[in-house]
PDB file of N, CA and C in Angstrom:
ATOM      1  N   MET A   1     191.910 204.369 133.110  1.00  0.00           N
ATOM      2  CA  MET A   1     191.274 203.635 134.188  1.00  0.00           C
ATOM      3  C   MET A   1     190.178 204.518 134.806  1.00  0.00           C
ATOM      4  N   PRO A   2     188.947 204.026 134.924  1.00  0.00           N
ATOM      5  CA  PRO A   2     187.863 204.798 135.528  1.00  0.00           C
ATOM      6  C   PRO A   2     188.155 205.116 136.990  1.00  0.00           C
ATOM      7  N   VAL A   3     187.584 206.210 137.462  1.00  0.00           N
ATOM      8  CA  VAL A   3     187.812 206.646 138.842  1.00  0.00           C
ATOM      9  C   VAL A   3     186.505 206.654 139.618  1.00  0.00           C
ATOM     10  N   SER A   4     186.622 206.553 140.936  1.00  0.00           N
ATOM     11  CA  SER A   4     185.432 206.591 141.780  1.00  0.00           C
ATOM     12  C   SER A   4     184.960 208.034 141.946  1.00  0.00           C
ATOM     13  N   GLU A   5     183.718 208.178 142.365  1.00  0.00           N
ATOM     14  CA  GLU A   5     183.127 209.513 142.533  1.00  0.00           C
ATOM     15  C   GLU A   5     183.933 210.367 143.495  1.00  0.00           C
ATOM     16  N   SER A   6     184.412 209.766 144.570  1.00  0.00           N
ATOM     17  CA  SER A   6     185.152 210.531 145.565  1.00  0.00           C
ATOM     18  C   SER A   6     186.513 210.995 145.039  1.00  0.00           C
ATOM     19  N   MET A   7     187.014 210.339 143.999  1.00  0.00           N
ATOM     20  CA  MET A   7     188.314 210.717 143.450  1.00  0.00           C
ATOM     21  C   MET A   7     188.234 211.786 142.375  1.00  0.00           C
ATOM     22  N   ILE A   8     187.042 212.069 141.871  1.00  0.00           N
ATOM     23  CA  ILE A   8     186.910 213.043 140.789  1.00  0.00           C
ATOM     24  C   ILE A   8     187.471 214.390 141.218  1.00  0.00           C
ATOM     25  N   SER A   9     187.115 214.846 142.394  1.00  0.00           N
ATOM     26  CA  SER A   9     187.606 216.155 142.843  1.00  0.00           C
ATOM     27  C   SER A   9     189.116 216.137 143.056  1.00  0.00           C
ATOM     28  N   ALA A  10     189.692 214.985 143.373  1.00  0.00           N
ATOM     29  CA  ALA A  10     191.143 214.892 143.560  1.00  0.00           C
ATOM     30  C   ALA A  10     191.879 215.014 142.226  1.00  0.00           C
ATOM     31  N   LEU A  11     191.218 214.702 141.122  1.00  0.00           N
ATOM     32  CA  LEU A  11     191.842 214.789 139.798  1.00  0.00           C
ATOM     33  C   LEU A  11     191.764 216.186 139.198  1.00  0.00           C
ATOM     34  N   ILE A  12     191.008 217.052 139.842  1.00  0.00           N
ATOM     35  CA  ILE A  12     190.817 218.403 139.320  1.00  0.00           C
ATOM     36  C   ILE A  12     191.709 219.362 140.103  1.00  0.00           C
ATOM     37  N   ASP A  13     192.507 220.120 139.377  1.00  0.00           N
ATOM     38  CA  ASP A  13     193.437 221.058 139.989  1.00  0.00           C
ATOM     39  C   ASP A  13     193.144 222.459 139.472  1.00  0.00           C
ATOM     40  N   LEU A  14     192.367 223.220 140.241  1.00  0.00           N
ATOM     41  CA  LEU A  14     192.006 224.576 139.835  1.00  0.00           C
ATOM     42  C   LEU A  14     192.997 225.576 140.414  1.00  0.00           C
ATOM     43  N   LYS A  15     193.462 226.467 139.572  1.00  0.00           N
ATOM     44  CA  LYS A  15     194.402 227.500 139.985  1.00  0.00           C
ATOM     45  C   LYS A  15     193.661 228.826 140.099  1.00  0.00           C
ATOM     46  N   ARG A  16     193.589 229.364 141.281  1.00  0.00           N
ATOM     47  CA  ARG A  16     192.850 230.606 141.501  1.00  0.00           C
ATOM     48  C   ARG A  16     193.549 231.813 140.876  1.00  0.00           C
ATOM     49  N   VAL A  17     194.864 231.756 140.750  1.00  0.00           N
ATOM     50  CA  VAL A  17     195.609 232.839 140.115  1.00  0.00           C
ATOM     51  C   VAL A  17     196.006 232.341 138.730  1.00  0.00           C
ATOM     52  N   ASP A  18     195.131 232.567 137.764  1.00  0.00           N
ATOM     53  CA  ASP A  18     195.334 232.066 136.414  1.00  0.00           C
ATOM     54  C   ASP A  18     194.584 232.981 135.462  1.00  0.00           C
ATOM     55  N   ASP A  19     195.076 233.094 134.236  1.00  0.00           N
ATOM     56  CA  ASP A  19     194.389 233.912 133.238  1.00  0.00           C
ATOM     57  C   ASP A  19     193.037 233.301 132.873  1.00  0.00           C
ATOM     58  N   GLU A  20     192.954 231.993 132.968  1.00  0.00           N
ATOM     59  CA  GLU A  20     191.721 231.282 132.662  1.00  0.00           C
ATOM     60  C   GLU A  20     190.875 231.212 133.938  1.00  0.00           C
ATOM     61  N   GLY A  21     189.603 231.531 133.857  1.00  0.00           N
ATOM     62  CA  GLY A  21     188.726 231.514 135.021  1.00  0.00           C
ATOM     63  C   GLY A  21     188.501 230.112 135.564  1.00  0.00           C
ATOM     64  N   LEU A  22     187.959 230.046 136.772  1.00  0.00           N
ATOM     65  CA  LEU A  22     187.715 228.752 137.416  1.00  0.00           C
ATOM     66  C   LEU A  22     186.739 227.893 136.621  1.00  0.00           C
ATOM     67  N   ALA A  23     185.680 228.511 136.092  1.00  0.00           N
ATOM     68  CA  ALA A  23     184.692 227.743 135.330  1.00  0.00           C
ATOM     69  C   ALA A  23     185.320 227.159 134.070  1.00  0.00           C
ATOM     70  N   ALA A  24     186.162 227.932 133.389  1.00  0.00           N
ATOM     71  CA  ALA A  24     186.826 227.448 132.172  1.00  0.00           C
ATOM     72  C   ALA A  24     187.814 226.335 132.511  1.00  0.00           C
ATOM     73  N   GLN A  25     188.534 226.483 133.609  1.00  0.00           N
ATOM     74  CA  GLN A  25     189.466 225.436 134.026  1.00  0.00           C
ATOM     75  C   GLN A  25     188.723 224.143 134.337  1.00  0.00           C
ATOM     76  N   LEU A  26     187.640 224.261 135.104  1.00  0.00           N
ATOM     77  CA  LEU A  26     186.860 223.085 135.482  1.00  0.00           C
ATOM     78  C   LEU A  26     186.265 222.409 134.250  1.00  0.00           C
ATOM     79  N   THR A  27     185.711 223.202 133.346  1.00  0.00           N
ATOM     80  CA  THR A  27     185.131 222.659 132.116  1.00  0.00           C
ATOM     81  C   THR A  27     186.181 221.894 131.323  1.00  0.00           C
ATOM     82  N   GLY A  28     187.332 222.490 131.136  1.00  0.00           N
ATOM     83  CA  GLY A  28     188.402 221.852 130.374  1.00  0.00           C
ATOM     84  C   GLY A  28     188.906 220.580 131.018  1.00  0.00           C
ATOM     85  N   GLN A  29     189.072 220.603 132.330  1.00  0.00           N
ATOM     86  CA  GLN A  29     189.580 219.416 133.014  1.00  0.00           C
ATOM     87  C   GLN A  29     188.573 218.270 133.000  1.00  0.00           C
ATOM     88  N   LEU A  30     187.291 218.582 133.197  1.00  0.00           N
ATOM     89  CA  LEU A  30     186.267 217.530 133.110  1.00  0.00           C
ATOM     90  C   LEU A  30     186.192 216.981 131.688  1.00  0.00           C
ATOM     91  N   ARG A  31     186.255 217.869 130.685  1.00  0.00           N
ATOM     92  CA  ARG A  31     186.223 217.451 129.289  1.00  0.00           C
ATOM     93  C   ARG A  31     187.381 216.492 128.999  1.00  0.00           C
ATOM     94  N   ASN A  32     188.564 216.836 129.494  1.00  0.00           N
ATOM     95  CA  ASN A  32     189.737 215.992 129.254  1.00  0.00           C
ATOM     96  C   ASN A  32     189.628 214.648 129.969  1.00  0.00           C
ATOM     97  N   LEU A  33     189.044 214.623 131.175  1.00  0.00           N
ATOM     98  CA  LEU A  33     188.848 213.354 131.889  1.00  0.00           C
ATOM     99  C   LEU A  33     187.882 212.442 131.134  1.00  0.00           C
ATOM    100  N   ILE A  34     186.844 213.039 130.549  1.00  0.00           N
ATOM    101  CA  ILE A  34     185.877 212.257 129.779  1.00  0.00           C
ATOM    102  C   ILE A  34     186.538 211.747 128.496  1.00  0.00           C
ATOM    103  N   ALA A  35     187.249 212.630 127.800  1.00  0.00           N
ATOM    104  CA  ALA A  35     187.886 212.251 126.537  1.00  0.00           C
ATOM    105  C   ALA A  35     188.944 211.169 126.728  1.00  0.00           C
ATOM    106  N   ALA A  36     189.614 211.194 127.878  1.00  0.00           N
ATOM    107  CA  ALA A  36     190.653 210.198 128.161  1.00  0.00           C
ATOM    108  C   ALA A  36     190.071 208.870 128.648  1.00  0.00           C
ATOM    109  N   GLY A  37     188.749 208.827 128.859  1.00  0.00           N
ATOM    110  CA  GLY A  37     188.110 207.605 129.327  1.00  0.00           C
ATOM    111  C   GLY A  37     188.153 207.419 130.835  1.00  0.00           C
ATOM    112  N   ARG A  38     188.642 208.420 131.560  1.00  0.00           N
ATOM    113  CA  ARG A  38     188.695 208.318 133.024  1.00  0.00           C
ATOM    114  C   ARG A  38     187.293 208.423 133.627  1.00  0.00           C
ATOM    115  N   LEU A  39     186.404 209.131 132.938  1.00  0.00           N
ATOM    116  CA  LEU A  39     184.985 209.201 133.322  1.00  0.00           C
ATOM    117  C   LEU A  39     184.209 208.595 132.160  1.00  0.00           C
ATOM    118  N   GLY A  40     183.807 207.341 132.300  1.00  0.00           N
ATOM    119  CA  GLY A  40     183.194 206.605 131.206  1.00  0.00           C
ATOM    120  C   GLY A  40     181.730 206.923 130.979  1.00  0.00           C
ATOM    121  N   LYS A  41     181.265 206.528 129.816  1.00  0.00           N
ATOM    122  CA  LYS A  41     179.869 206.720 129.424  1.00  0.00           C
ATOM    123  C   LYS A  41     178.942 206.074 130.448  1.00  0.00           C
ATOM    124  N   GLY A  42     177.891 206.808 130.830  1.00  0.00           N
ATOM    125  CA  GLY A  42     176.928 206.311 131.806  1.00  0.00           C
ATOM    126  C   GLY A  42     177.297 206.641 133.242  1.00  0.00           C
ATOM    127  N   ARG A  43     178.458 207.196 133.445  1.00  0.00           N
ATOM    128  CA  ARG A  43     178.955 207.524 134.779  1.00  0.00           C
ATOM    129  C   ARG A  43     178.258 208.776 135.329  1.00  0.00           C
ATOM    130  N   ALA A  44     177.690 208.684 136.507  1.00  0.00           N
ATOM    131  CA  ALA A  44     177.080 209.847 137.151  1.00  0.00           C
ATOM    132  C   ALA A  44     178.175 210.630 137.878  1.00  0.00           C
ATOM    133  N   LEU A  45     178.204 211.923 137.664  1.00  0.00           N
ATOM    134  CA  LEU A  45     179.153 212.796 138.352  1.00  0.00           C
ATOM    135  C   LEU A  45     178.554 213.208 139.694  1.00  0.00           C
ATOM    136  N   PRO A  46     179.366 213.755 140.578  1.00  0.00           N
ATOM    137  CA  PRO A  46     178.819 214.255 141.842  1.00  0.00           C
ATOM    138  C   PRO A  46     177.845 215.398 141.567  1.00  0.00           C
ATOM    139  N   SER A  47     176.959 215.651 142.493  1.00  0.00           N
ATOM    140  CA  SER A  47     176.046 216.778 142.343  1.00  0.00           C
ATOM    141  C   SER A  47     176.843 218.075 142.322  1.00  0.00           C
ATOM    142  N   SER A  48     176.244 219.130 141.801  1.00  0.00           N
ATOM    143  CA  SER A  48     176.944 220.420 141.744  1.00  0.00           C
ATOM    144  C   SER A  48     177.294 220.911 143.150  1.00  0.00           C
ATOM    145  N   ARG A  49     176.408 220.683 144.107  1.00  0.00           N
ATOM    146  CA  ARG A  49     176.689 221.104 145.491  1.00  0.00           C
ATOM    147  C   ARG A  49     177.885 220.345 146.062  1.00  0.00           C
ATOM    148  N   ARG A  50     177.906 219.055 145.846  1.00  0.00           N
ATOM    149  CA  ARG A  50     178.994 218.234 146.393  1.00  0.00           C
ATOM    150  C   ARG A  50     180.337 218.574 145.751  1.00  0.00           C
ATOM    151  N   LEU A  51     180.357 218.677 144.421  1.00  0.00           N
ATOM    152  CA  LEU A  51     181.606 218.979 143.737  1.00  0.00           C
ATOM    153  C   LEU A  51     182.096 220.380 144.097  1.00  0.00           C
ATOM    154  N   ALA A  52     181.175 221.329 144.187  1.00  0.00           N
ATOM    155  CA  ALA A  52     181.560 222.692 144.576  1.00  0.00           C
ATOM    156  C   ALA A  52     182.166 222.701 145.976  1.00  0.00           C
ATOM    157  N   SER A  53     181.567 221.970 146.886  1.00  0.00           N
ATOM    158  CA  SER A  53     182.077 221.886 148.252  1.00  0.00           C
ATOM    159  C   SER A  53     183.454 221.222 148.281  1.00  0.00           C
ATOM    160  N   ASP A  54     183.607 220.119 147.545  1.00  0.00           N
ATOM    161  CA  ASP A  54     184.879 219.403 147.502  1.00  0.00           C
ATOM    162  C   ASP A  54     185.999 220.255 146.910  1.00  0.00           C
ATOM    163  N   LEU A  55     185.660 221.078 145.901  1.00  0.00           N
ATOM    164  CA  LEU A  55     186.667 221.895 145.225  1.00  0.00           C
ATOM    165  C   LEU A  55     186.862 223.267 145.871  1.00  0.00           C
ATOM    166  N   GLY A  56     185.937 223.650 146.751  1.00  0.00           N
ATOM    167  CA  GLY A  56     186.021 224.961 147.390  1.00  0.00           C
ATOM    168  C   GLY A  56     185.709 226.109 146.441  1.00  0.00           C
ATOM    169  N   VAL A  57     184.759 225.872 145.538  1.00  0.00           N
ATOM    170  CA  VAL A  57     184.346 226.916 144.594  1.00  0.00           C
ATOM    171  C   VAL A  57     182.838 227.131 144.709  1.00  0.00           C
ATOM    172  N   SER A  58     182.351 228.144 144.034  1.00  0.00           N
ATOM    173  CA  SER A  58     180.923 228.445 144.007  1.00  0.00           C
ATOM    174  C   SER A  58     180.163 227.363 143.255  1.00  0.00           C
ATOM    175  N   ARG A  59     178.952 227.115 143.684  1.00  0.00           N
ATOM    176  CA  ARG A  59     178.110 226.157 142.965  1.00  0.00           C
ATOM    177  C   ARG A  59     177.836 226.643 141.544  1.00  0.00           C
ATOM    178  N   ASN A  60     177.766 227.975 141.361  1.00  0.00           N
ATOM    179  CA  ASN A  60     177.556 228.534 140.022  1.00  0.00           C
ATOM    180  C   ASN A  60     178.690 228.141 139.077  1.00  0.00           C
ATOM    181  N   THR A  61     179.911 228.074 139.592  1.00  0.00           N
ATOM    182  CA  THR A  61     181.066 227.677 138.785  1.00  0.00           C
ATOM    183  C   THR A  61     180.879 226.252 138.271  1.00  0.00           C
ATOM    184  N   VAL A  62     180.476 225.363 139.148  1.00  0.00           N
ATOM    185  CA  VAL A  62     180.276 223.955 138.774  1.00  0.00           C
ATOM    186  C   VAL A  62     179.078 223.817 137.836  1.00  0.00           C
ATOM    187  N   THR A  63     177.997 224.510 138.144  1.00  0.00           N
ATOM    188  CA  THR A  63     176.802 224.448 137.303  1.00  0.00           C
ATOM    189  C   THR A  63     177.106 224.924 135.892  1.00  0.00           C
ATOM    190  N   TYR A  64     177.879 226.020 135.792  1.00  0.00           N
ATOM    191  CA  TYR A  64     178.238 226.520 134.466  1.00  0.00           C
ATOM    192  C   TYR A  64     179.050 225.474 133.695  1.00  0.00           C
ATOM    193  N   ALA A  65     180.012 224.844 134.362  1.00  0.00           N
ATOM    194  CA  ALA A  65     180.835 223.821 133.701  1.00  0.00           C
ATOM    195  C   ALA A  65     179.966 222.659 133.220  1.00  0.00           C
ATOM    196  N   PHE A  66     179.041 222.208 134.063  1.00  0.00           N
ATOM    197  CA  PHE A  66     178.146 221.112 133.677  1.00  0.00           C
ATOM    198  C   PHE A  66     177.288 221.512 132.471  1.00  0.00           C
ATOM    199  N   GLU A  67     176.754 222.722 132.490  1.00  0.00           N
ATOM    200  CA  GLU A  67     175.907 223.178 131.392  1.00  0.00           C
ATOM    201  C   GLU A  67     176.694 223.288 130.089  1.00  0.00           C
ATOM    202  N   GLN A  68     177.921 223.783 130.182  1.00  0.00           N
ATOM    203  CA  GLN A  68     178.768 223.901 128.992  1.00  0.00           C
ATOM    204  C   GLN A  68     179.055 222.521 128.402  1.00  0.00           C
ATOM    205  N   LEU A  69     179.397 221.558 129.256  1.00  0.00           N
ATOM    206  CA  LEU A  69     179.695 220.211 128.784  1.00  0.00           C
ATOM    207  C   LEU A  69     178.450 219.522 128.230  1.00  0.00           C
ATOM    208  N   ALA A  70     177.294 219.836 128.789  1.00  0.00           N
ATOM    209  CA  ALA A  70     176.037 219.295 128.252  1.00  0.00           C
ATOM    210  C   ALA A  70     175.783 219.871 126.857  1.00  0.00           C
ATOM    211  N   ALA A  71     176.045 221.157 126.678  1.00  0.00           N
ATOM    212  CA  ALA A  71     175.857 221.790 125.375  1.00  0.00           C
ATOM    213  C   ALA A  71     176.808 221.197 124.330  1.00  0.00           C
ATOM    214  N   GLU A  72     177.978 220.761 124.763  1.00  0.00           N
ATOM    215  CA  GLU A  72     178.956 220.167 123.858  1.00  0.00           C
ATOM    216  C   GLU A  72     178.708 218.676 123.623  1.00  0.00           C
ATOM    217  N   GLY A  73     177.755 218.085 124.363  1.00  0.00           N
ATOM    218  CA  GLY A  73     177.415 216.680 124.170  1.00  0.00           C
ATOM    219  C   GLY A  73     178.174 215.703 125.052  1.00  0.00           C
ATOM    220  N   TYR A  74     178.919 216.206 126.016  1.00  0.00           N
ATOM    221  CA  TYR A  74     179.669 215.331 126.914  1.00  0.00           C
ATOM    222  C   TYR A  74     178.805 214.823 128.074  1.00  0.00           C
ATOM    223  N   LEU A  75     177.838 215.625 128.513  1.00  0.00           N
ATOM    224  CA  LEU A  75     177.011 215.272 129.668  1.00  0.00           C
ATOM    225  C   LEU A  75     175.540 215.393 129.334  1.00  0.00           C
ATOM    226  N   GLU A  76     174.735 214.650 130.077  1.00  0.00           N
ATOM    227  CA  GLU A  76     173.281 214.814 130.043  1.00  0.00           C
ATOM    228  C   GLU A  76     172.892 215.356 131.406  1.00  0.00           C
ATOM    229  N   THR A  77     172.195 216.469 131.399  1.00  0.00           N
ATOM    230  CA  THR A  77     171.782 217.076 132.665  1.00  0.00           C
ATOM    231  C   THR A  77     170.276 217.258 132.683  1.00  0.00           C
ATOM    232  N   SER A  78     169.723 217.186 133.878  1.00  0.00           N
ATOM    233  CA  SER A  78     168.313 217.523 134.080  1.00  0.00           C
ATOM    234  C   SER A  78     168.167 217.981 135.522  1.00  0.00           C
ATOM    235  N   ARG A  79     167.219 218.841 135.724  1.00  0.00           N
ATOM    236  CA  ARG A  79     167.021 219.462 137.040  1.00  0.00           C
ATOM    237  C   ARG A  79     166.767 218.402 138.111  1.00  0.00           C
ATOM    238  N   GLY A  80     167.493 218.542 139.214  1.00  0.00           N
ATOM    239  CA  GLY A  80     167.298 217.647 140.342  1.00  0.00           C
ATOM    240  C   GLY A  80     168.026 216.317 140.240  1.00  0.00           C
ATOM    241  N   ARG A  81     168.792 216.118 139.153  1.00  0.00           N
ATOM    242  CA  ARG A  81     169.521 214.857 138.972  1.00  0.00           C
ATOM    243  C   ARG A  81     170.988 215.148 138.740  1.00  0.00           C
ATOM    244  N   ARG A  82     171.814 214.205 139.107  1.00  0.00           N
ATOM    245  CA  ARG A  82     173.248 214.362 138.869  1.00  0.00           C
ATOM    246  C   ARG A  82     173.536 214.234 137.377  1.00  0.00           C
ATOM    247  N   PRO A  83     174.520 214.973 136.874  1.00  0.00           N
ATOM    248  CA  PRO A  83     174.841 214.861 135.446  1.00  0.00           C
ATOM    249  C   PRO A  83     175.455 213.497 135.138  1.00  0.00           C
ATOM    250  N   VAL A  84     175.169 213.000 133.941  1.00  0.00           N
ATOM    251  CA  VAL A  84     175.648 211.691 133.510  1.00  0.00           C
ATOM    252  C   VAL A  84     176.489 211.869 132.248  1.00  0.00           C
ATOM    253  N   VAL A  85     177.632 211.200 132.206  1.00  0.00           N
ATOM    254  CA  VAL A  85     178.510 211.261 131.039  1.00  0.00           C
ATOM    255  C   VAL A  85     177.822 210.550 129.880  1.00  0.00           C
ATOM    256  N   THR A  86     177.712 211.240 128.744  1.00  0.00           N
ATOM    257  CA  THR A  86     177.069 210.651 127.568  1.00  0.00           C
ATOM    258  C   THR A  86     178.069 210.305 126.488  1.00  0.00           C
ATOM    259  N   ALA A  87     179.279 210.822 126.587  1.00  0.00           N
ATOM    260  CA  ALA A  87     180.309 210.556 125.581  1.00  0.00           C
ATOM    261  C   ALA A  87     181.232 209.455 126.078  1.00  0.00           C
ATOM    262  N   ASP A  88     181.620 208.592 125.181  1.00  0.00           N
ATOM    263  CA  ASP A  88     182.564 207.538 125.513  1.00  0.00           C
ATOM    264  C   ASP A  88     183.953 208.023 125.115  1.00  0.00           C
ATOM    265  N   GLY A  89     184.869 208.058 126.072  1.00  0.00           N
ATOM    266  CA  GLY A  89     186.196 208.614 125.848  1.00  0.00           C
ATOM    267  C   GLY A  89     186.929 208.068 124.640  1.00  0.00           C
ATOM    268  N   GLY A  90     186.768 206.813 124.331  1.00  0.00           N
ATOM    269  CA  GLY A  90     187.494 206.242 123.205  1.00  0.00           C
ATOM    270  C   GLY A  90     186.736 206.258 121.906  1.00  0.00           C
ATOM    271  N   ALA A  91     185.462 206.680 121.923  1.00  0.00           N
ATOM    272  CA  ALA A  91     184.640 206.531 120.724  1.00  0.00           C
ATOM    273  C   ALA A  91     184.302 207.833 120.013  1.00  0.00           C
ATOM    274  N   GLN A  92     184.819 208.963 120.475  1.00  0.00           N
ATOM    275  CA  GLN A  92     184.467 210.213 119.828  1.00  0.00           C
ATOM    276  C   GLN A  92     185.148 210.330 118.481  1.00  0.00           C
ATOM    277  N   GLY A  93     184.532 211.142 117.662  1.00  0.00           N
ATOM    278  CA  GLY A  93     185.110 211.407 116.350  1.00  0.00           C
ATOM    279  C   GLY A  93     186.208 212.446 116.457  1.00  0.00           C
ATOM    280  N   GLU A  94     186.656 212.897 115.306  1.00  0.00           N
ATOM    281  CA  GLU A  94     187.722 213.883 115.264  1.00  0.00           C
ATOM    282  C   GLU A  94     187.303 215.142 116.020  1.00  0.00           C
ATOM    283  N   GLY A  95     188.197 215.694 116.786  1.00  0.00           N
ATOM    284  CA  GLY A  95     187.917 216.911 117.532  1.00  0.00           C
ATOM    285  C   GLY A  95     187.557 216.662 118.979  1.00  0.00           C
ATOM    286  N   TRP A  96     187.150 215.450 119.328  1.00  0.00           N
ATOM    287  CA  TRP A  96     186.802 215.155 120.709  1.00  0.00           C
ATOM    288  C   TRP A  96     188.076 215.074 121.523  1.00  0.00           C
ATOM    289  N   GLY A  97     188.015 215.575 122.722  1.00  0.00           N
ATOM    290  CA  GLY A  97     189.153 215.506 123.613  1.00  0.00           C
ATOM    291  C   GLY A  97     190.076 216.700 123.506  1.00  0.00           C
ATOM    292  N   ARG A  98     189.861 217.542 122.500  1.00  0.00           N
ATOM    293  CA  ARG A  98     190.657 218.753 122.429  1.00  0.00           C
ATOM    294  C   ARG A  98     190.154 219.706 123.480  1.00  0.00           C
ATOM    295  N   SER A  99     191.029 220.514 123.977  1.00  0.00           N
ATOM    296  CA  SER A  99     190.649 221.465 125.011  1.00  0.00           C
ATOM    297  C   SER A  99     190.172 222.755 124.363  1.00  0.00           C
ATOM    298  N   TYR A 100     188.926 223.121 124.610  1.00  0.00           N
ATOM    299  CA  TYR A 100     188.364 224.362 124.112  1.00  0.00           C
ATOM    300  C   TYR A 100     188.084 225.261 125.292  1.00  0.00           C
ATOM    301  N   PRO A 101     188.320 226.546 125.164  1.00  0.00           N
ATOM    302  CA  PRO A 101     188.017 227.427 126.290  1.00  0.00           C
ATOM    303  C   PRO A 101     186.509 227.539 126.482  1.00  0.00           C
ATOM    304  N   ALA A 102     186.075 227.569 127.720  1.00  0.00           N
ATOM    305  CA  ALA A 102     184.657 227.765 128.007  1.00  0.00           C
ATOM    306  C   ALA A 102     184.307 229.216 127.727  1.00  0.00           C
ATOM    307  N   ARG A 103     183.131 229.445 127.197  1.00  0.00           N
ATOM    308  CA  ARG A 103     182.699 230.799 126.890  1.00  0.00           C
ATOM    309  C   ARG A 103     181.915 231.335 128.070  1.00  0.00           C
ATOM    310  N   ALA A 104     182.270 232.512 128.508  1.00  0.00           N
ATOM    311  CA  ALA A 104     181.580 233.134 129.630  1.00  0.00           C
ATOM    312  C   ALA A 104     180.185 233.564 129.198  1.00  0.00           C
ATOM    313  N   PRO A 105     179.219 233.553 130.117  1.00  0.00           N
ATOM    314  CA  PRO A 105     177.887 234.009 129.765  1.00  0.00           C
ATOM    315  C   PRO A 105     177.902 235.488 129.401  1.00  0.00           C
ATOM    316  N   GLN A 106     176.963 235.878 128.559  1.00  0.00           N
ATOM    317  CA  GLN A 106     176.877 237.282 128.177  1.00  0.00           C
ATOM    318  C   GLN A 106     176.504 238.119 129.389  1.00  0.00           C
ATOM    319  N   SER A 107     176.975 239.339 129.376  1.00  0.00           N
ATOM    320  CA  SER A 107     176.605 240.238 130.467  1.00  0.00           C
ATOM    321  C   SER A 107     175.223 240.812 130.191  1.00  0.00           C
ATOM    322  N   CYS A 108     174.609 241.304 131.226  1.00  0.00           N
ATOM    323  CA  CYS A 108     173.267 241.868 131.077  1.00  0.00           C
ATOM    324  C   CYS A 108     173.267 243.055 130.128  1.00  0.00           C
ATOM    325  N   GLY A 109     174.338 243.836 130.171  1.00  0.00           N
ATOM    326  CA  GLY A 109     174.426 245.008 129.310  1.00  0.00           C
ATOM    327  C   GLY A 109     174.373 244.651 127.839  1.00  0.00           C
ATOM    328  N   SER A 110     174.940 243.517 127.459  1.00  0.00           N
ATOM    329  CA  SER A 110     174.953 243.130 126.053  1.00  0.00           C
ATOM    330  C   SER A 110     173.595 242.596 125.598  1.00  0.00           C
ATOM    331  N   LEU A 111     172.674 242.357 126.535  1.00  0.00           N
ATOM    332  CA  LEU A 111     171.354 241.826 126.189  1.00  0.00           C
ATOM    333  C   LEU A 111     170.302 242.921 126.033  1.00  0.00           C
ATOM    334  N   ARG A 112     170.645 244.132 126.417  1.00  0.00           N
ATOM    335  CA  ARG A 112     169.664 245.225 126.322  1.00  0.00           C
ATOM    336  C   ARG A 112     169.246 245.434 124.872  1.00  0.00           C
ATOM    337  N   GLY A 113     167.978 245.558 124.666  1.00  0.00           N
ATOM    338  CA  GLY A 113     167.452 245.826 123.337  1.00  0.00           C
ATOM    339  C   GLY A 113     167.203 244.577 122.506  1.00  0.00           C
ATOM    340  N   LEU A 114     167.664 243.420 122.962  1.00  0.00           N
ATOM    341  CA  LEU A 114     167.401 242.195 122.220  1.00  0.00           C
ATOM    342  C   LEU A 114     165.968 241.752 122.470  1.00  0.00           C
ATOM    343  N   GLN A 115     165.359 241.212 121.465  1.00  0.00           N
ATOM    344  CA  GLN A 115     163.976 240.780 121.594  1.00  0.00           C
ATOM    345  C   GLN A 115     163.931 239.272 121.745  1.00  0.00           C
ATOM    346  N   SER A 116     163.214 238.815 122.776  1.00  0.00           N
ATOM    347  CA  SER A 116     163.086 237.377 123.001  1.00  0.00           C
ATOM    348  C   SER A 116     161.973 236.817 122.130  1.00  0.00           C
ATOM    349  N   SER A 117     161.819 235.495 122.144  1.00  0.00           N
ATOM    350  CA  SER A 117     160.781 234.851 121.350  1.00  0.00           C
ATOM    351  C   SER A 117     159.381 235.253 121.815  1.00  0.00           C
ATOM    352  N   SER A 118     159.275 235.702 123.079  1.00  0.00           N
ATOM    353  CA  SER A 118     157.965 236.120 123.582  1.00  0.00           C
ATOM    354  C   SER A 118     157.667 237.579 123.255  1.00  0.00           C
ATOM    355  N   GLY A 119     158.636 238.256 122.608  1.00  0.00           N
ATOM    356  CA  GLY A 119     158.424 239.647 122.230  1.00  0.00           C
ATOM    357  C   GLY A 119     158.937 240.641 123.250  1.00  0.00           C
ATOM    358  N   ARG A 120     159.418 240.178 124.393  1.00  0.00           N
ATOM    359  CA  ARG A 120     159.951 241.077 125.410  1.00  0.00           C
ATOM    360  C   ARG A 120     161.341 241.548 125.006  1.00  0.00           C
ATOM    361  N   THR A 121     161.689 242.730 125.438  1.00  0.00           N
ATOM    362  CA  THR A 121     163.040 243.230 125.162  1.00  0.00           C
ATOM    363  C   THR A 121     163.733 243.591 126.458  1.00  0.00           C
ATOM    364  N   GLY A 122     165.058 243.438 126.451  1.00  0.00           N
ATOM    365  CA  GLY A 122     165.875 243.920 127.548  1.00  0.00           C
ATOM    366  C   GLY A 122     165.840 243.128 128.838  1.00  0.00           C
ATOM    367  N   ARG A 123     165.246 241.941 128.867  1.00  0.00           N
ATOM    368  CA  ARG A 123     165.227 241.154 130.102  1.00  0.00           C
ATOM    369  C   ARG A 123     166.391 240.201 130.116  1.00  0.00           C
ATOM    370  N   CYS A 124     167.077 240.190 131.206  1.00  0.00           N
ATOM    371  CA  CYS A 124     168.241 239.322 131.352  1.00  0.00           C
ATOM    372  C   CYS A 124     167.791 237.918 131.768  1.00  0.00           C
ATOM    373  N   PRO A 125     168.231 236.881 131.028  1.00  0.00           N
ATOM    374  CA  PRO A 125     167.841 235.515 131.381  1.00  0.00           C
ATOM    375  C   PRO A 125     168.664 234.930 132.518  1.00  0.00           C
ATOM    376  N   ILE A 126     169.709 235.650 132.955  1.00  0.00           N
ATOM    377  CA  ILE A 126     170.583 235.161 134.007  1.00  0.00           C
ATOM    378  C   ILE A 126     169.986 235.499 135.361  1.00  0.00           C
ATOM    379  N   ARG A 127     169.930 234.518 136.252  1.00  0.00           N
ATOM    380  CA  ARG A 127     169.389 234.751 137.589  1.00  0.00           C
ATOM    381  C   ARG A 127     170.514 235.242 138.482  1.00  0.00           C
ATOM    382  N   HIS A 128     170.413 236.498 138.905  1.00  0.00           N
ATOM    383  CA  HIS A 128     171.447 237.094 139.758  1.00  0.00           C
ATOM    384  C   HIS A 128     171.052 237.012 141.208  1.00  0.00           C
ATOM    385  N   ARG A 129     172.050 236.988 142.068  1.00  0.00           N
ATOM    386  CA  ARG A 129     171.796 236.976 143.502  1.00  0.00           C
ATOM    387  C   ARG A 129     172.124 238.296 144.084  1.00  0.00           C
TER     388      ARG A 129
END
């Protein structure tokens, strides 16, 4: 059964004391809600600011989860717009709906010496605060 926007945060249960990080937990739970059909195709999710506020987590945590799900084909994201579910929970092929751990971004140290397409080396693409 599809859920309303205000109920999405109520369906997510993040455990702060867990071996799995908050971003990985959020990614997995959103993925499972989409795969189960609770968040249907074409459904707009709350903004990253709103969901982060509702869940009491950093906006970076929510943004990372959205980006990971977009990379996996579950969401369509674009700057300044709320993410939209692109996968239909009942229509995925084999492998959809399985829980995969989210991969943490590379650290800056692991990027040293790598050459970008522009020829620059050692610049971190991650925006730090």
